[in-house]
Amino acid sequence: QTHVGLSALAEIKTYVKNLTRVYNYHEKCNMLIINSLSPIMNPTFQ
């Protein structure tokens, strides 16, 4: 039973780590998109 609990915990940790990685990746993409759109949205930005 303890072993099952530990492996479940390990799986959750991996899942969270992957989620964080995906989230960070999307954040980076969003920043890139925002940065490339800024000059279009705000002409004085150039």
Protein backbone atom coordinates (compact mmCIF):
# COMPACT_ATOMS: atom_id res chain seq x y z
CA GLN A 1 0.00 0.00 0.00
CA THR A 2 2.79 2.42 0.90
CA HIS A 3 4.54 1.54 -2.35
CA VAL A 4 1.41 2.37 -4.35
CA GLY A 5 1.13 5.70 -2.54
CA LEU A 6 4.75 6.54 -3.31
CA SER A 7 4.47 5.70 -7.00
CA ALA A 8 1.26 7.71 -7.24
CA LEU A 9 3.07 10.63 -5.62
CA ALA A 10 5.93 10.27 -8.09
CA GLU A 11 3.45 10.27 -10.97
CA ILE A 12 1.76 13.40 -9.65
CA LYS A 13 5.16 15.11 -9.29
CA THR A 14 6.03 14.24 -12.89
CA TYR A 15 2.62 15.44 -14.05
CA VAL A 16 3.02 18.76 -12.24
CA LYS A 17 6.55 19.17 -13.60
CA ASN A 18 5.26 18.62 -17.15
CA LEU A 19 2.37 21.01 -16.56
CA THR A 20 4.78 23.67 -15.34
CA ARG A 21 6.99 23.14 -18.38
CA VAL A 22 4.02 23.44 -20.74
CA TYR A 23 2.78 26.52 -18.91
CA ASN A 24 6.20 28.20 -19.08
CA TYR A 25 6.40 27.34 -22.78
CA HIS A 26 3.03 28.94 -23.44
CA GLU A 27 4.02 32.00 -21.40
CA LYS A 28 7.11 32.38 -23.59
CA CYS A 29 5.00 32.05 -26.74
CA ASN A 30 2.51 34.61 -25.43
CA MET A 31 5.32 37.06 -24.69
CA LEU A 32 6.70 36.58 -28.20
CA ILE A 33 3.27 37.15 -29.72
CA ILE A 34 2.64 40.22 -27.55
CA ASN A 35 6.08 41.63 -28.36
CA SER A 36 5.56 41.16 -32.08
CA LEU A 37 2.06 42.67 -31.94
CA SER A 38 2.96 45.67 -29.78
CA PRO A 39 4.28 47.83 -32.66
CA ILE A 40 1.10 47.11 -34.65
CA MET A 41 -1.28 47.84 -31.78
CA ASN A 42 0.67 50.87 -30.58
CA PRO A 43 2.40 52.79 -33.41
CA THR A 44 4.19 55.11 -30.95
CA PHE A 45 5.90 52.02 -29.56
CA GLN A 46 8.24 51.84 -32.58
